[in-house]
Amino acid sequence: MLLMAEQLAADPDLETLDLEGQSLGKKGARKLAKELLEHKSLKELNLACNDFGDAGAEAIAAVLQRNQVLRSVNLRNNKISDDGARCLADALCRAARSSPGGWLTELSLGHNSLGDAAMQSLSQALAQSSNLRELDLSSCGEGISGSAWEKLAASLQACSSLTSLKLRDNNIGDASAAALALALAGSGTCRLKELDLSRCSLGDKGALCIFHALRTQVDTDSGGSDSGLKRLNLPGNHFGPGIVEGLAAIFQSGAGLEELDLSRCNLGAEAGMLLGPALAKGTGALRELRLCRNGLGIDGARGLSEGLASSECRLQSLSLRENHLDDAGIGAISEALKSNRALKELELCGNGIGDLGASSLGLALVMNMKLSVLNLQDNLIGDPGADGLAVGIERNKVLQELDLGGNGRLGNAGVGRLAQALGKNSTLRSLGLQGSSADPEAVQCLEELAADPAARRTGESDEVFETPLEGDAFGLDSQLSCGSEESSSSHSDDSESDHEREVAGL
């Protein structure tokens, strides 16, 4: 602590101080606060995970009140309770009276044990702190009632500068979500761009209230869709297929929502079947959608594929991690990818994809001219599946990242076939193969070669694949210089024809 005091004194121009996890305790926090009261240039202060409790919070509150240069303060996970939070809130109110709106722009109080008294004080401070832009109250304990959350929501309408509010891992519920929705749909003073309600005990009613507010913003906000909510995180809540109608209304309303996370929301296959037609009618401003761990299954995948195949679907990033899609579901998505002209990133990890599904994706890559990132980690892809993907790699001109890590069935033959395909590809920059059963040295070399297109063009690394890898089930010469152009073309055509016949059976 003495060393830190000397550092502050020796560097009067210090603007950022990170003391996360330094075990300051209340004595250390008090000593630090005394030094900070005299420091005239510090703008960012990170004191997360220091266990200084209410006594330390009271000392830091004096800094918040008097240091007019300070802009960002992180007090996460410090065992602060109602008394400490009240001191901090009072400091913010005093600062707001001293200078219109105060000077703090970012405050994190997440992972502290706050109650209703703390929330009431913070709500009052929030209403006066018109310069505060980011507030994190994630995981603040079970002692906060619904009425306290509703008071916080009401204060949002007075804090016109707030753009990011993180409330994840709190027992907020539908009634408080409805109060938040009222703030979002209010007179246009609420300017939130990011709202995180992950794992907040919301149901369909709460979600639909939020969705309705987003549609209302389009009418009440003079700035139009550009000034509405852009990022909404709702993972870990319990929704049903009934929310899809509300989502569809958002897409069609002109709302400015760009990123939506509905992972782990128990949506099920029916939601996927309903969401597909909604996506087909247009996605509005939405560019990123996460639907991980929702049990979509094969039927859900088939429903979503209807949307992905539509020219009105403008999604650029889609995550379907761990949804039990299997080969049949991937076959439907692959078919949609052949005509999709918008999607740039697709995550399909942990979906039980086997060789047939991988081969269908390979055929999709032959025709798709937009997808740049494809994540196939932790599936059941073996050597025949790698052969199918190689067909696509050889002909695709846009894919930059392909991750096959965690596919334990992938062996030397598959790696050899991918090496051959890589020799004909100039765009791939990253190929993940960790966790396969292939020779580790060959895996490392191929990953390095994928990251160096120049070496592929000059043939600098050909010597690593001069001979077929042991266990080459395809009988392929794994060197990158694969013989005559005619021979290579013939093999690719034959492979594609074989896989077309297989995939037709999906």
Protein backbone atom coordinates (compact mmCIF):
# COMPACT_ATOMS: atom_id res chain seq x y z
CA MET A 1 0.00 0.00 0.00
CA LEU A 2 2.90 2.35 0.77
CA LEU A 3 4.35 1.57 -2.64
CA MET A 4 1.05 2.50 -4.28
CA ALA A 5 0.95 5.80 -2.39
CA GLU A 6 4.47 6.54 -3.59
CA GLN A 7 3.46 5.65 -7.15
CA LEU A 8 0.51 8.05 -7.08
CA ALA A 9 2.69 10.82 -5.68
CA ALA A 10 5.42 10.16 -8.23
CA ASP A 11 3.04 10.12 -11.19
CA PRO A 12 0.68 13.09 -10.96
CA ASP A 13 -0.44 12.45 -14.55
CA LEU A 14 -1.65 8.87 -13.89
CA GLU A 15 -5.07 8.42 -15.52
CA THR A 16 -5.80 4.70 -14.95
CA LEU A 17 -5.32 2.70 -11.76
CA ASP A 18 -6.14 -1.03 -11.66
CA LEU A 19 -6.00 -2.63 -8.20
CA GLU A 20 -8.41 -5.51 -8.77
CA GLY A 21 -7.90 -8.41 -6.39
CA GLN A 22 -5.16 -6.76 -4.32
CA SER A 23 -6.71 -7.56 -0.91
CA LEU A 24 -6.81 -3.93 0.15
CA GLY A 25 -9.37 -4.42 2.90
CA LYS A 26 -10.91 -1.46 4.67
CA LYS A 27 -7.56 -0.07 5.89
CA GLY A 28 -6.06 -0.17 2.43
CA ALA A 29 -9.15 1.44 0.92
CA ARG A 30 -8.98 4.29 3.42
CA LYS A 31 -5.29 4.94 2.73
CA LEU A 32 -5.88 4.83 -1.00
CA ALA A 33 -8.84 7.19 -0.76
CA LYS A 34 -6.70 9.71 1.13
CA GLU A 35 -4.15 9.72 -1.70
CA LEU A 36 -6.82 9.91 -4.39
CA LEU A 37 -8.37 13.01 -2.85
CA GLU A 38 -5.19 14.87 -3.79
CA HIS A 39 -4.75 13.31 -7.23
CA LYS A 40 -5.87 15.60 -10.05
CA SER A 41 -5.65 13.43 -13.18
CA LEU A 42 -7.00 9.93 -12.38
CA LYS A 43 -9.96 9.07 -14.63
CA GLU A 44 -10.40 5.29 -14.25
CA LEU A 45 -10.30 3.39 -10.95
CA ASN A 46 -10.73 -0.39 -10.67
CA LEU A 47 -11.05 -1.65 -7.08
CA ALA A 48 -12.97 -4.87 -7.79
CA CYS A 49 -12.55 -7.87 -5.48
CA ASN A 50 -10.84 -6.17 -2.53
CA ASP A 51 -13.26 -7.08 0.31
CA PHE A 52 -13.21 -3.63 1.92
CA GLY A 53 -16.91 -3.67 2.84
CA ASP A 54 -18.97 -0.67 3.88
CA ALA A 55 -16.07 1.08 5.62
CA GLY A 56 -14.03 1.04 2.43
CA ALA A 57 -17.05 2.11 0.38
CA GLU A 58 -17.52 5.11 2.68
CA ALA A 59 -13.89 6.14 2.11
CA ILE A 60 -14.22 5.80 -1.67
CA ALA A 61 -17.48 7.78 -1.54
CA ALA A 62 -15.51 10.82 -0.42
CA VAL A 63 -13.39 10.48 -3.55
CA LEU A 64 -16.49 10.26 -5.76
CA GLN A 65 -17.83 13.43 -4.21
CA ARG A 66 -14.69 15.57 -4.44
CA ASN A 67 -12.55 14.28 -7.32
CA GLN A 68 -14.12 15.95 -10.35
CA VAL A 69 -11.74 14.29 -12.82
CA LEU A 70 -12.75 10.70 -12.01
CA ARG A 71 -15.01 9.17 -14.67
CA SER A 72 -15.08 5.38 -14.18
CA VAL A 73 -15.19 3.42 -10.89
CA ASN A 74 -15.43 -0.38 -10.50
CA LEU A 75 -16.38 -1.55 -6.99
CA ARG A 76 -17.57 -5.04 -7.94
CA ASN A 77 -17.42 -7.84 -5.37
CA ASN A 78 -16.36 -5.89 -2.29
CA LYS A 79 -18.92 -7.07 0.32
CA ILE A 80 -20.67 -3.72 0.19
CA SER A 81 -24.15 -3.70 1.75
CA ASP A 82 -26.86 -1.07 2.24
CA ASP A 83 -24.80 1.28 4.42
CA GLY A 84 -21.91 1.45 1.98
CA ALA A 85 -24.22 1.81 -1.01
CA ARG A 86 -26.04 4.69 0.68
CA CYS A 87 -22.72 6.50 1.20
CA LEU A 88 -21.85 6.06 -2.46
CA ALA A 89 -25.30 7.19 -3.61
CA ASP A 90 -25.15 10.24 -1.34
CA ALA A 91 -21.76 11.14 -2.83
CA LEU A 92 -23.22 10.96 -6.33
CA CYS A 93 -26.10 13.24 -5.32
CA ARG A 94 -23.71 15.78 -3.78
CA ALA A 95 -21.55 15.68 -6.90
CA ALA A 96 -24.63 16.29 -9.06
CA ARG A 97 -25.50 19.35 -6.98
CA SER A 98 -21.94 20.62 -7.17
CA SER A 99 -21.75 20.24 -10.95
CA PRO A 100 -24.89 19.70 -13.09
CA GLY A 101 -25.34 15.95 -13.51
CA GLY A 102 -22.12 15.10 -11.69
CA TRP A 103 -18.96 13.88 -13.38
CA LEU A 104 -18.99 10.08 -13.05
CA THR A 105 -19.87 8.25 -16.30
CA GLU A 106 -19.35 4.57 -15.34
CA LEU A 107 -20.13 2.77 -12.06
CA SER A 108 -20.05 -0.96 -11.26
CA LEU A 109 -21.52 -2.25 -7.99
CA GLY A 110 -22.20 -5.80 -9.15
CA HIS A 111 -21.71 -8.84 -6.88
CA ASN A 112 -22.37 -6.94 -3.65
CA SER A 113 -25.12 -7.74 -1.12
CA LEU A 114 -27.53 -4.87 -1.61
CA GLY A 115 -31.08 -4.52 -0.30
CA ASP A 116 -34.08 -2.26 -0.72
CA ALA A 117 -32.49 0.64 1.19
CA ALA A 118 -29.49 0.59 -1.14
CA MET A 119 -31.68 0.45 -4.23
CA GLN A 120 -33.80 3.36 -3.05
CA SER A 121 -30.70 5.50 -2.49
CA LEU A 122 -29.20 4.48 -5.83
CA SER A 123 -32.49 5.23 -7.61
CA GLN A 124 -32.44 8.77 -6.22
CA ALA A 125 -28.81 9.20 -7.25
CA LEU A 126 -29.51 7.83 -10.71
CA ALA A 127 -32.28 10.37 -11.24
CA GLN A 128 -29.81 13.19 -10.51
CA SER A 129 -26.69 11.79 -12.22
CA SER A 130 -27.52 12.92 -15.70
CA ASN A 131 -23.97 12.26 -16.97
CA LEU A 132 -23.84 8.60 -15.91
CA ARG A 133 -23.64 6.38 -19.02
CA GLU A 134 -22.99 2.85 -17.70
CA LEU A 135 -24.34 1.18 -14.54
CA ASP A 136 -23.68 -2.43 -13.52
CA LEU A 137 -25.84 -3.87 -10.71
CA SER A 138 -25.44 -7.54 -11.65
CA SER A 139 -25.84 -10.22 -8.98
CA CYS A 140 -26.71 -7.92 -6.08
CA GLY A 141 -28.24 -10.62 -3.92
CA GLU A 142 -31.71 -11.88 -3.05
CA GLY A 143 -32.59 -9.09 -0.65
CA ILE A 144 -34.03 -6.71 -3.24
CA SER A 145 -37.81 -6.64 -3.60
CA GLY A 146 -39.78 -6.15 -6.77
CA SER A 147 -40.90 -2.69 -5.68
CA ALA A 148 -37.26 -1.62 -5.27
CA TRP A 149 -36.49 -2.72 -8.83
CA GLU A 150 -39.54 -0.82 -10.03
CA LYS A 151 -38.27 2.37 -8.36
CA LEU A 152 -34.94 1.93 -10.11
CA ALA A 153 -36.75 1.48 -13.42
CA ALA A 154 -38.75 4.67 -12.86
CA SER A 155 -35.54 6.64 -12.26
CA LEU A 156 -34.28 5.70 -15.73
CA GLN A 157 -36.58 8.22 -17.34
CA ALA A 158 -34.76 11.03 -15.53
CA CYS A 159 -31.28 9.74 -16.39
CA SER A 160 -31.25 10.59 -20.07
CA SER A 161 -27.53 9.86 -20.48
CA LEU A 162 -27.60 6.20 -19.36
CA THR A 163 -26.79 3.92 -22.31
CA SER A 164 -25.86 0.62 -20.62
CA LEU A 165 -27.67 -1.10 -17.72
CA LYS A 166 -26.56 -4.55 -16.55
CA LEU A 167 -28.88 -6.32 -14.12
CA ARG A 168 -28.06 -9.98 -14.81
CA ASP A 169 -28.38 -12.63 -12.09
CA ASN A 170 -31.01 -10.78 -10.07
CA ASN A 171 -34.50 -12.01 -9.16
CA ILE A 172 -36.27 -9.25 -11.08
CA GLY A 173 -39.35 -11.07 -12.40
CA ASP A 174 -42.07 -10.05 -14.83
CA ALA A 175 -43.56 -7.16 -12.84
CA SER A 176 -40.25 -5.33 -12.57
CA ALA A 177 -39.49 -6.12 -16.21
CA ALA A 178 -42.78 -4.43 -17.08
CA ALA A 179 -41.61 -1.35 -15.14
CA LEU A 180 -38.37 -1.35 -17.11
CA ALA A 181 -40.41 -1.61 -20.28
CA LEU A 182 -42.40 1.48 -19.27
CA ALA A 183 -39.14 3.39 -18.90
CA LEU A 184 -37.96 2.23 -22.32
CA ALA A 185 -41.25 3.19 -23.93
CA GLY A 186 -41.56 6.49 -22.07
CA SER A 187 -41.44 10.01 -23.40
CA GLY A 188 -38.17 9.46 -25.23
CA THR A 189 -35.85 10.55 -22.41
CA CYS A 190 -34.53 7.01 -21.77
CA ARG A 191 -31.59 6.44 -24.12
CA LEU A 192 -30.52 2.90 -23.21
CA LYS A 193 -28.53 1.13 -25.92
CA GLU A 194 -27.70 -2.03 -23.95
CA LEU A 195 -29.88 -3.91 -21.44
CA ASP A 196 -28.70 -7.12 -19.78
CA LEU A 197 -31.43 -9.14 -18.05
CA SER A 198 -29.69 -12.52 -18.17
CA ARG A 199 -30.98 -15.01 -15.60
CA CYS A 200 -33.45 -12.56 -14.07
CA SER A 201 -36.43 -14.92 -13.56
CA LEU A 202 -38.39 -13.52 -16.48
CA GLY A 203 -41.25 -15.34 -18.19
CA ASP A 204 -43.18 -14.72 -21.38
CA LYS A 205 -45.04 -11.76 -19.89
CA GLY A 206 -41.86 -9.89 -18.98
CA ALA A 207 -40.26 -10.57 -22.35
CA LEU A 208 -43.33 -9.44 -24.27
CA CYS A 209 -43.45 -6.20 -22.26
CA ILE A 210 -39.85 -5.47 -23.25
CA PHE A 211 -40.56 -6.33 -26.89
CA HIS A 212 -43.61 -4.06 -26.92
CA ALA A 213 -41.49 -1.23 -25.51
CA LEU A 214 -38.99 -1.63 -28.34
CA ARG A 215 -41.78 -1.26 -30.89
CA THR A 216 -43.14 1.77 -29.04
CA GLN A 217 -39.72 3.44 -29.12
CA VAL A 218 -39.98 3.73 -32.87
CA ASP A 219 -43.04 5.99 -32.51
CA THR A 220 -42.03 8.02 -29.44
CA ASP A 221 -38.33 8.55 -30.13
CA SER A 222 -37.64 11.56 -32.29
CA GLY A 223 -34.33 9.98 -33.24
CA GLY A 224 -36.09 6.95 -34.77
CA SER A 225 -34.51 3.51 -34.69
CA ASP A 226 -31.01 4.97 -34.33
CA SER A 227 -31.73 6.11 -30.77
CA GLY A 228 -33.45 2.94 -29.46
CA LEU A 229 -32.12 -0.15 -27.69
CA LYS A 230 -29.40 -1.90 -29.73
CA ARG A 231 -28.36 -4.85 -27.56
CA LEU A 232 -30.71 -7.02 -25.46
CA ASN A 233 -29.44 -9.98 -23.43
CA LEU A 234 -32.07 -12.39 -22.07
CA PRO A 235 -30.29 -15.76 -21.68
CA GLY A 236 -31.18 -18.07 -18.83
CA ASN A 237 -34.80 -16.96 -18.51
CA HIS A 238 -37.81 -19.24 -19.03
CA PHE A 239 -39.73 -18.43 -22.18
CA GLY A 240 -41.98 -20.42 -24.45
CA PRO A 241 -42.86 -20.29 -28.14
CA GLY A 242 -45.38 -17.56 -27.32
CA ILE A 243 -42.65 -14.90 -27.42
CA VAL A 244 -41.98 -15.50 -31.12
CA GLU A 245 -44.97 -13.41 -32.17
CA GLY A 246 -43.56 -10.50 -30.16
CA LEU A 247 -40.17 -10.98 -31.81
CA ALA A 248 -41.72 -10.97 -35.26
CA ALA A 249 -43.44 -7.69 -34.44
CA ILE A 250 -40.08 -6.16 -33.51
CA PHE A 251 -38.58 -7.23 -36.83
CA GLN A 252 -41.43 -5.62 -38.75
CA SER A 253 -41.69 -2.44 -36.65
CA GLY A 254 -38.50 -0.71 -37.71
CA ALA A 255 -37.02 -0.99 -34.21
CA GLY A 256 -33.26 -0.53 -34.04
CA LEU A 257 -32.43 -3.74 -32.11
CA GLU A 258 -29.20 -5.17 -33.56
CA GLU A 259 -28.15 -7.93 -31.13
CA LEU A 260 -30.41 -10.38 -29.27
CA ASP A 261 -29.34 -13.23 -26.98
CA LEU A 262 -32.02 -15.82 -26.17
CA SER A 263 -29.69 -18.66 -25.17
CA ARG A 264 -30.81 -21.21 -22.55
CA CYS A 265 -34.42 -19.99 -22.57
CA ASN A 266 -36.13 -23.40 -23.04
CA LEU A 267 -37.67 -22.29 -26.33
CA GLY A 268 -37.93 -25.79 -27.81
CA ALA A 269 -38.59 -27.02 -31.32
CA GLU A 270 -41.91 -25.20 -31.67
CA ALA A 271 -40.23 -21.82 -31.21
CA GLY A 272 -37.72 -22.67 -33.93
CA MET A 273 -40.52 -23.68 -36.27
CA LEU A 274 -42.33 -20.38 -35.61
CA LEU A 275 -39.22 -18.23 -35.73
CA GLY A 276 -38.23 -19.38 -39.22
CA PRO A 277 -41.24 -17.83 -40.99
CA ALA A 278 -40.77 -14.67 -38.90
CA LEU A 279 -37.17 -14.37 -40.09
CA ALA A 280 -38.30 -15.00 -43.66
CA LYS A 281 -40.45 -11.87 -43.55
CA GLY A 282 -37.47 -9.73 -42.60
CA THR A 283 -35.24 -9.17 -39.58
CA GLY A 284 -35.26 -5.38 -39.49
CA ALA A 285 -32.07 -4.04 -37.93
CA LEU A 286 -31.25 -7.35 -36.18
CA ARG A 287 -27.80 -8.58 -37.17
CA GLU A 288 -26.82 -11.01 -34.38
CA LEU A 289 -29.01 -13.75 -32.86
CA ARG A 290 -27.94 -16.27 -30.21
CA LEU A 291 -30.18 -19.30 -29.60
CA CYS A 292 -27.76 -21.65 -27.82
CA ARG A 293 -29.04 -24.55 -25.69
CA ASN A 294 -32.71 -24.20 -26.49
CA GLY A 295 -33.51 -27.79 -27.50
CA LEU A 296 -34.45 -26.73 -31.03
CA GLY A 297 -33.81 -30.19 -32.43
CA ILE A 298 -34.24 -31.27 -36.03
CA ASP A 299 -37.71 -29.73 -36.42
CA GLY A 300 -36.52 -26.41 -35.02
CA ALA A 301 -33.56 -26.42 -37.41
CA ARG A 302 -35.85 -27.08 -40.35
CA GLY A 303 -38.03 -24.17 -39.28
CA LEU A 304 -35.09 -21.81 -38.95
CA SER A 305 -33.77 -22.85 -42.35
CA GLU A 306 -36.90 -21.37 -43.94
CA GLY A 307 -35.89 -17.99 -42.58
CA LEU A 308 -32.22 -18.34 -43.47
CA ALA A 309 -33.09 -19.16 -47.06
CA SER A 310 -35.06 -15.93 -47.48
CA SER A 311 -33.48 -12.87 -49.06
CA GLU A 312 -35.31 -10.80 -46.42
CA CYS A 313 -33.27 -12.36 -43.60
CA ARG A 314 -30.34 -10.01 -42.96
CA LEU A 315 -28.80 -11.81 -39.98
CA GLN A 316 -25.01 -11.66 -40.05
CA SER A 317 -24.27 -13.83 -37.01
CA LEU A 318 -26.20 -16.87 -35.74
CA SER A 319 -25.25 -19.09 -32.81
CA LEU A 320 -26.98 -22.48 -32.45
CA ARG A 321 -24.58 -24.13 -30.02
CA GLU A 322 -25.84 -27.35 -28.35
CA ASN A 323 -29.31 -27.67 -29.83
CA HIS A 324 -29.38 -31.38 -30.78
CA LEU A 325 -29.59 -30.52 -34.47
CA ASP A 326 -27.94 -33.75 -35.67
CA ASP A 327 -27.20 -34.49 -39.33
CA ALA A 328 -30.78 -34.06 -40.50
CA GLY A 329 -31.11 -30.59 -38.99
CA ILE A 330 -27.72 -29.55 -40.34
CA GLY A 331 -28.80 -30.79 -43.76
CA ALA A 332 -31.71 -28.34 -43.72
CA ILE A 333 -29.50 -25.47 -42.59
CA SER A 334 -26.91 -26.35 -45.23
CA GLU A 335 -29.55 -26.17 -47.93
CA ALA A 336 -30.50 -22.68 -46.73
CA LEU A 337 -26.86 -21.58 -46.74
CA LYS A 338 -26.64 -22.26 -50.45
CA SER A 339 -28.89 -19.27 -51.15
CA ASN A 340 -28.15 -17.11 -48.09
CA ARG A 341 -26.36 -13.88 -48.94
CA ALA A 342 -26.10 -12.22 -45.51
CA LEU A 343 -24.81 -14.61 -42.82
CA LYS A 344 -21.12 -14.12 -42.01
CA GLU A 345 -20.74 -16.14 -38.79
CA LEU A 346 -22.35 -19.47 -37.89
CA GLU A 347 -21.76 -21.40 -34.67
CA LEU A 348 -22.84 -25.06 -34.64
CA CYS A 349 -20.77 -26.48 -31.77
CA GLY A 350 -21.93 -29.53 -29.85
CA ASN A 351 -24.82 -30.54 -32.10
CA GLY A 352 -24.00 -34.19 -32.75
CA ILE A 353 -22.98 -33.44 -36.34
CA GLY A 354 -21.53 -36.49 -38.03
CA ASP A 355 -19.95 -37.13 -41.40
CA LEU A 356 -23.15 -36.72 -43.36
CA GLY A 357 -23.90 -33.34 -41.78
CA ALA A 358 -20.33 -32.16 -42.36
CA SER A 359 -20.56 -33.24 -45.99
CA SER A 360 -23.76 -31.27 -46.47
CA LEU A 361 -22.00 -28.20 -45.08
CA GLY A 362 -19.15 -28.83 -47.50
CA LEU A 363 -21.57 -28.70 -50.42
CA ALA A 364 -23.07 -25.50 -49.02
CA LEU A 365 -19.61 -23.92 -48.91
CA VAL A 366 -19.23 -24.59 -52.62
CA MET A 367 -22.16 -22.25 -53.32
CA ASN A 368 -22.10 -19.84 -50.37
CA MET A 369 -20.28 -16.59 -51.05
CA LYS A 370 -20.75 -14.81 -47.70
CA LEU A 371 -19.97 -17.03 -44.70
CA SER A 372 -16.54 -16.18 -43.27
CA VAL A 373 -16.61 -17.95 -39.86
CA LEU A 374 -17.86 -21.53 -39.28
CA ASN A 375 -17.50 -23.13 -35.85
CA LEU A 376 -18.00 -26.91 -35.72
CA GLN A 377 -16.28 -27.68 -32.42
CA ASP A 378 -17.20 -30.68 -30.28
CA ASN A 379 -19.15 -32.68 -32.83
CA LEU A 380 -18.83 -36.22 -34.22
CA ILE A 381 -17.06 -35.43 -37.48
CA GLY A 382 -14.63 -38.08 -38.69
CA ASP A 383 -12.44 -38.55 -41.74
CA PRO A 384 -15.30 -38.89 -44.29
CA GLY A 385 -16.81 -35.67 -42.94
CA ALA A 386 -13.48 -33.90 -43.30
CA ASP A 387 -13.38 -35.10 -46.90
CA GLY A 388 -16.80 -33.54 -47.47
CA LEU A 389 -15.71 -30.25 -45.93
CA ALA A 390 -12.56 -30.31 -48.04
CA VAL A 391 -14.72 -30.24 -51.16
CA GLY A 392 -16.13 -26.92 -50.00
CA ILE A 393 -12.77 -25.52 -48.88
CA GLU A 394 -11.27 -26.18 -52.29
CA ARG A 395 -13.91 -24.11 -54.06
CA ASN A 396 -14.95 -21.54 -51.47
CA LYS A 397 -13.51 -18.03 -51.82
CA VAL A 398 -14.73 -16.29 -48.65
CA LEU A 399 -14.39 -18.59 -45.61
CA GLN A 400 -11.68 -17.29 -43.25
CA GLU A 401 -12.12 -19.32 -40.06
CA LEU A 402 -13.07 -22.99 -39.65
CA ASP A 403 -12.91 -24.64 -36.23
CA LEU A 404 -13.04 -28.43 -36.04
CA GLY A 405 -11.57 -28.68 -32.54
CA GLY A 406 -12.91 -31.36 -30.24
CA ASN A 407 -13.91 -33.73 -33.05
CA GLY A 408 -12.17 -36.79 -31.67
CA ARG A 409 -13.12 -39.01 -34.61
CA LEU A 410 -11.08 -36.89 -37.00
CA GLY A 411 -7.86 -38.76 -37.78
CA ASN A 412 -4.83 -38.65 -40.04
CA ALA A 413 -6.81 -39.34 -43.19
CA GLY A 414 -9.09 -36.37 -42.58
CA VAL A 415 -6.20 -34.07 -41.76
CA GLY A 416 -4.43 -35.17 -44.91
CA ARG A 417 -7.50 -34.42 -47.01
CA LEU A 418 -7.85 -30.98 -45.40
CA ALA A 419 -4.19 -30.30 -46.15
CA GLN A 420 -4.79 -31.11 -49.79
CA ALA A 421 -7.79 -28.77 -49.89
CA LEU A 422 -5.88 -26.00 -48.14
CA GLY A 423 -3.35 -26.00 -50.95
CA LYS A 424 -6.11 -24.83 -53.30
CA ASN A 425 -7.58 -22.21 -50.97
CA SER A 426 -6.31 -18.65 -50.61
CA THR A 427 -8.79 -17.17 -48.11
CA LEU A 428 -8.79 -19.45 -45.05
CA ARG A 429 -6.80 -17.85 -42.21
CA SER A 430 -7.61 -20.10 -39.25
CA LEU A 431 -8.19 -23.86 -39.05
CA GLY A 432 -8.77 -25.36 -35.58
CA LEU A 433 -8.01 -29.07 -35.17
CA GLN A 434 -7.09 -29.43 -31.49
CA GLY A 435 -8.71 -32.43 -29.85
CA SER A 436 -8.69 -34.60 -32.96
CA SER A 437 -7.11 -38.05 -33.00
CA ALA A 438 -4.68 -37.14 -35.76
CA ASP A 439 -0.91 -36.91 -35.35
CA PRO A 440 -0.24 -33.84 -33.14
CA GLU A 441 2.70 -32.68 -35.25
CA ALA A 442 0.63 -32.77 -38.43
CA VAL A 443 -2.22 -30.94 -36.70
CA GLN A 444 0.11 -28.20 -35.50
CA CYS A 445 1.69 -27.81 -38.90
CA LEU A 446 -1.64 -27.61 -40.69
CA GLU A 447 -2.96 -25.01 -38.24
CA GLU A 448 0.17 -22.92 -38.75
CA LEU A 449 -0.08 -23.29 -42.50
CA ALA A 450 -3.70 -22.15 -42.46
CA ALA A 451 -2.59 -18.97 -40.70
CA ASP A 452 0.01 -18.28 -43.41
CA PRO A 453 -1.54 -18.07 -46.89
CA ALA A 454 1.77 -16.83 -48.29
CA ALA A 455 3.45 -20.10 -47.34
CA ARG A 456 0.66 -22.00 -49.09
CA ARG A 457 1.25 -20.03 -52.26
CA THR A 458 5.04 -20.48 -52.21
CA GLY A 459 4.91 -24.08 -51.03
CA GLU A 460 7.31 -23.41 -48.14
CA SER A 461 5.68 -26.06 -45.93
CA ASP A 462 5.07 -28.76 -48.52
CA GLU A 463 7.76 -30.95 -47.00
CA VAL A 464 5.62 -31.60 -43.91
CA PHE A 465 3.02 -33.39 -46.03
CA GLU A 466 5.37 -35.02 -48.53
CA THR A 467 4.04 -38.52 -47.77
CA PRO A 468 0.56 -39.75 -46.95
CA LEU A 469 -0.19 -39.69 -43.23
CA GLU A 470 -0.46 -43.10 -41.58
CA GLY A 471 -4.04 -44.29 -41.65
CA ASP A 472 -4.98 -42.35 -44.80
CA ALA A 473 -8.34 -44.00 -45.44
CA PHE A 474 -8.82 -42.12 -48.69
CA GLY A 475 -5.45 -43.12 -50.15
CA LEU A 476 -4.72 -39.44 -50.65
CA ASP A 477 -1.28 -38.00 -51.16
CA SER A 478 -1.35 -35.41 -48.37
CA GLN A 479 1.30 -33.10 -49.78
CA LEU A 480 0.03 -29.69 -50.81
CA SER A 481 1.36 -30.09 -54.35
CA CYS A 482 -1.16 -32.73 -55.33
CA GLY A 483 -0.18 -33.58 -58.84
CA SER A 484 -1.72 -32.32 -62.03
CA GLU A 485 -4.58 -29.83 -62.07
CA GLU A 486 -6.64 -32.35 -63.99
CA SER A 487 -6.19 -35.03 -61.34
CA SER A 488 -7.10 -32.65 -58.52
CA SER A 489 -10.16 -31.38 -60.33
CA SER A 490 -11.30 -34.90 -61.06
CA HIS A 491 -11.03 -35.93 -57.41
CA SER A 492 -12.98 -32.86 -56.25
CA ASP A 493 -15.72 -33.48 -58.77
CA ASP A 494 -15.97 -37.14 -57.80
CA SER A 495 -16.06 -36.29 -54.08
CA GLU A 496 -18.75 -33.71 -54.58
CA SER A 497 -20.83 -36.14 -56.60
CA ASP A 498 -20.52 -38.82 -53.90
CA HIS A 499 -21.53 -36.44 -51.16
CA GLU A 500 -24.42 -35.02 -53.14
CA ARG A 501 -25.84 -38.55 -53.33
CA GLU A 502 -25.34 -39.07 -49.59
CA VAL A 503 -26.81 -35.73 -48.55
CA ALA A 504 -29.84 -36.30 -50.73
CA GLY A 505 -30.84 -38.96 -48.24
CA LEU A 506 -31.12 -36.48 -45.33
